């Protein structure tokens, strides 16, 4: 179904017109009763399909808990040089 609105009326009801376009309605904007533009929804972006095991070629992790321990780069050196290292 097609609905037509004058531009002045469309300015006041923009969110309603966007909702109509999202619902699949054809929304026509008119100036002086003459159609000048259409408002239509864009297609939703498709979700990227991920394959299970996409990183299997890298092999198993040597140490799965490597992310749980302290960072060895910052363990002996403080992040802020003015601070004393913690024992």
C-alpha atoms as a PDB file:
ATOM      1  CA  UNK A   1       0.000   0.000   0.000  1.00  0.00           C
ATOM      2  CA  UNK A   2       1.236   3.495  -0.800  1.00  0.00           C
ATOM      3  CA  UNK A   3       0.762   6.460   1.501  1.00  0.00           C
ATOM      4  CA  UNK A   4       1.484  10.051   0.532  1.00  0.00           C
ATOM      5  CA  UNK A   5       2.383  12.952   2.818  1.00  0.00           C
ATOM      6  CA  UNK A   6       3.181  16.574   2.117  1.00  0.00           C
ATOM      7  CA  UNK A   7       6.667  17.571   3.223  1.00  0.00           C
ATOM      8  CA  UNK A   8       5.416  19.905   5.960  1.00  0.00           C
ATOM      9  CA  UNK A   9       3.333  17.102   7.461  1.00  0.00           C
ATOM     10  CA  UNK A  10       6.187  14.613   7.015  1.00  0.00           C
ATOM     11  CA  UNK A  11       8.522  16.835   9.054  1.00  0.00           C
ATOM     12  CA  UNK A  12       6.160  16.584  12.000  1.00  0.00           C
ATOM     13  CA  UNK A  13       5.648  12.810  11.632  1.00  0.00           C
ATOM     14  CA  UNK A  14       9.093  11.636  10.534  1.00  0.00           C
ATOM     15  CA  UNK A  15       9.457   8.852  13.111  1.00  0.00           C
ATOM     16  CA  UNK A  16       5.982   7.557  12.232  1.00  0.00           C
ATOM     17  CA  UNK A  17       6.823   7.579   8.521  1.00  0.00           C
ATOM     18  CA  UNK A  18      10.074   5.718   9.137  1.00  0.00           C
ATOM     19  CA  UNK A  19       8.131   3.085  11.073  1.00  0.00           C
ATOM     20  CA  UNK A  20       5.719   2.740   8.163  1.00  0.00           C
ATOM     21  CA  UNK A  21       8.622   2.323   5.732  1.00  0.00           C
ATOM     22  CA  UNK A  22      10.199  -0.303   8.000  1.00  0.00           C
ATOM     23  CA  UNK A  23       6.886  -2.159   8.011  1.00  0.00           C
ATOM     24  CA  UNK A  24       7.027  -2.361   4.201  1.00  0.00           C
ATOM     25  CA  UNK A  25       4.749   0.541   3.276  1.00  0.00           C
ATOM     26  CA  UNK A  26       5.610   2.720   0.289  1.00  0.00           C
ATOM     27  CA  UNK A  27       5.872   6.275   1.674  1.00  0.00           C
ATOM     28  CA  UNK A  28       5.746   9.072  -0.895  1.00  0.00           C
ATOM     29  CA  UNK A  29       6.693  12.644  -0.005  1.00  0.00           C
ATOM     30  CA  UNK A  30       4.941  15.325  -2.015  1.00  0.00           C
ATOM     31  CA  UNK A  31       5.353  19.056  -2.529  1.00  0.00           C
ATOM     32  CA  UNK A  32       2.182  20.838  -3.595  1.00  0.00           C
ATOM     33  CA  UNK A  33       0.454  17.496  -4.118  1.00  0.00           C
ATOM     34  CA  UNK A  34       3.105  16.294  -6.591  1.00  0.00           C
ATOM     35  CA  UNK A  35       5.294  13.331  -5.563  1.00  0.00           C
ATOM     36  CA  UNK A  36       8.956  14.321  -5.267  1.00  0.00           C
ATOM     37  CA  UNK A  37      10.576  11.584  -3.147  1.00  0.00           C
ATOM     38  CA  UNK A  38      10.014   8.184  -1.647  1.00  0.00           C
ATOM     39  CA  UNK A  39      10.975   6.878   1.748  1.00  0.00           C
ATOM     40  CA  UNK A  40      11.857   3.218   2.005  1.00  0.00           C
ATOM     41  CA  UNK A  41      13.688   1.051   4.512  1.00  0.00           C
ATOM     42  CA  UNK A  42      17.083  -0.356   3.686  1.00  0.00           C
ATOM     43  CA  UNK A  43      17.717  -4.060   4.025  1.00  0.00           C
ATOM     44  CA  UNK A  44      19.104  -5.123   7.375  1.00  0.00           C
ATOM     45  CA  UNK A  45      22.774  -6.085   7.189  1.00  0.00           C
ATOM     46  CA  UNK A  46      23.186  -9.806   6.945  1.00  0.00           C
ATOM     47  CA  UNK A  47      24.899 -11.537   9.803  1.00  0.00           C
ATOM     48  CA  UNK A  48      28.301 -12.959   9.036  1.00  0.00           C
ATOM     49  CA  UNK A  49      28.135 -16.705   9.140  1.00  0.00           C
ATOM     50  CA  UNK A  50      31.006 -18.191  11.069  1.00  0.00           C
ATOM     51  CA  UNK A  51      32.301 -21.675  10.523  1.00  0.00           C
ATOM     52  CA  UNK A  52      33.081 -23.884  13.453  1.00  0.00           C
ATOM     53  CA  UNK A  53      36.764 -24.726  13.518  1.00  0.00           C
ATOM     54  CA  UNK A  54      37.830 -21.824  11.321  1.00  0.00           C
ATOM     55  CA  UNK A  55      41.074 -21.508  13.333  1.00  0.00           C
ATOM     56  CA  UNK A  56      41.696 -25.250  13.709  1.00  0.00           C
ATOM     57  CA  UNK A  57      44.628 -25.014  11.292  1.00  0.00           C
ATOM     58  CA  UNK A  58      46.530 -23.061  13.965  1.00  0.00           C
ATOM     59  CA  UNK A  59      46.565 -26.074  16.246  1.00  0.00           C
ATOM     60  CA  UNK A  60      45.780 -26.265  19.961  1.00  0.00           C
ATOM     61  CA  UNK A  61      46.924 -23.566  22.362  1.00  0.00           C
ATOM     62  CA  UNK A  62      50.152 -24.445  24.127  1.00  0.00           C
ATOM     63  CA  UNK A  63      48.950 -22.873  27.373  1.00  0.00           C
ATOM     64  CA  UNK A  64      45.203 -22.164  27.460  1.00  0.00           C
ATOM     65  CA  UNK A  65      45.593 -20.270  30.755  1.00  0.00           C
ATOM     66  CA  UNK A  66      48.198 -17.865  29.368  1.00  0.00           C
ATOM     67  CA  UNK A  67      45.728 -14.970  29.479  1.00  0.00           C
ATOM     68  CA  UNK A  68      44.948 -15.479  33.167  1.00  0.00           C
ATOM     69  CA  UNK A  69      48.425 -14.763  34.575  1.00  0.00           C
ATOM     70  CA  UNK A  70      50.322 -11.481  34.937  1.00  0.00           C
ATOM     71  CA  UNK A  71      51.898  -9.939  31.874  1.00  0.00           C
ATOM     72  CA  UNK A  72      55.627 -10.736  31.986  1.00  0.00           C
ATOM     73  CA  UNK A  73      56.472  -7.481  30.188  1.00  0.00           C
ATOM     74  CA  UNK A  74      55.043  -5.430  33.055  1.00  0.00           C
ATOM     75  CA  UNK A  75      55.810  -7.731  35.952  1.00  0.00           C
ATOM     76  CA  UNK A  76      59.316  -6.363  36.622  1.00  0.00           C
ATOM     77  CA  UNK A  77      58.887  -2.909  35.081  1.00  0.00           C
ATOM     78  CA  UNK A  78      56.189  -0.605  36.454  1.00  0.00           C
ATOM     79  CA  UNK A  79      53.767   0.944  34.023  1.00  0.00           C
ATOM     80  CA  UNK A  80      54.444   4.366  35.487  1.00  0.00           C
ATOM     81  CA  UNK A  81      58.227   4.849  36.008  1.00  0.00           C
ATOM     82  CA  UNK A  82      57.767   7.072  39.099  1.00  0.00           C
ATOM     83  CA  UNK A  83      56.126   4.223  41.011  1.00  0.00           C
ATOM     84  CA  UNK A  84      58.061   1.619  42.906  1.00  0.00           C
ATOM     85  CA  UNK A  85      57.597  -1.932  41.629  1.00  0.00           C
ATOM     86  CA  UNK A  86      55.377  -4.082  43.776  1.00  0.00           C
ATOM     87  CA  UNK A  87      57.021  -7.209  45.192  1.00  0.00           C
END
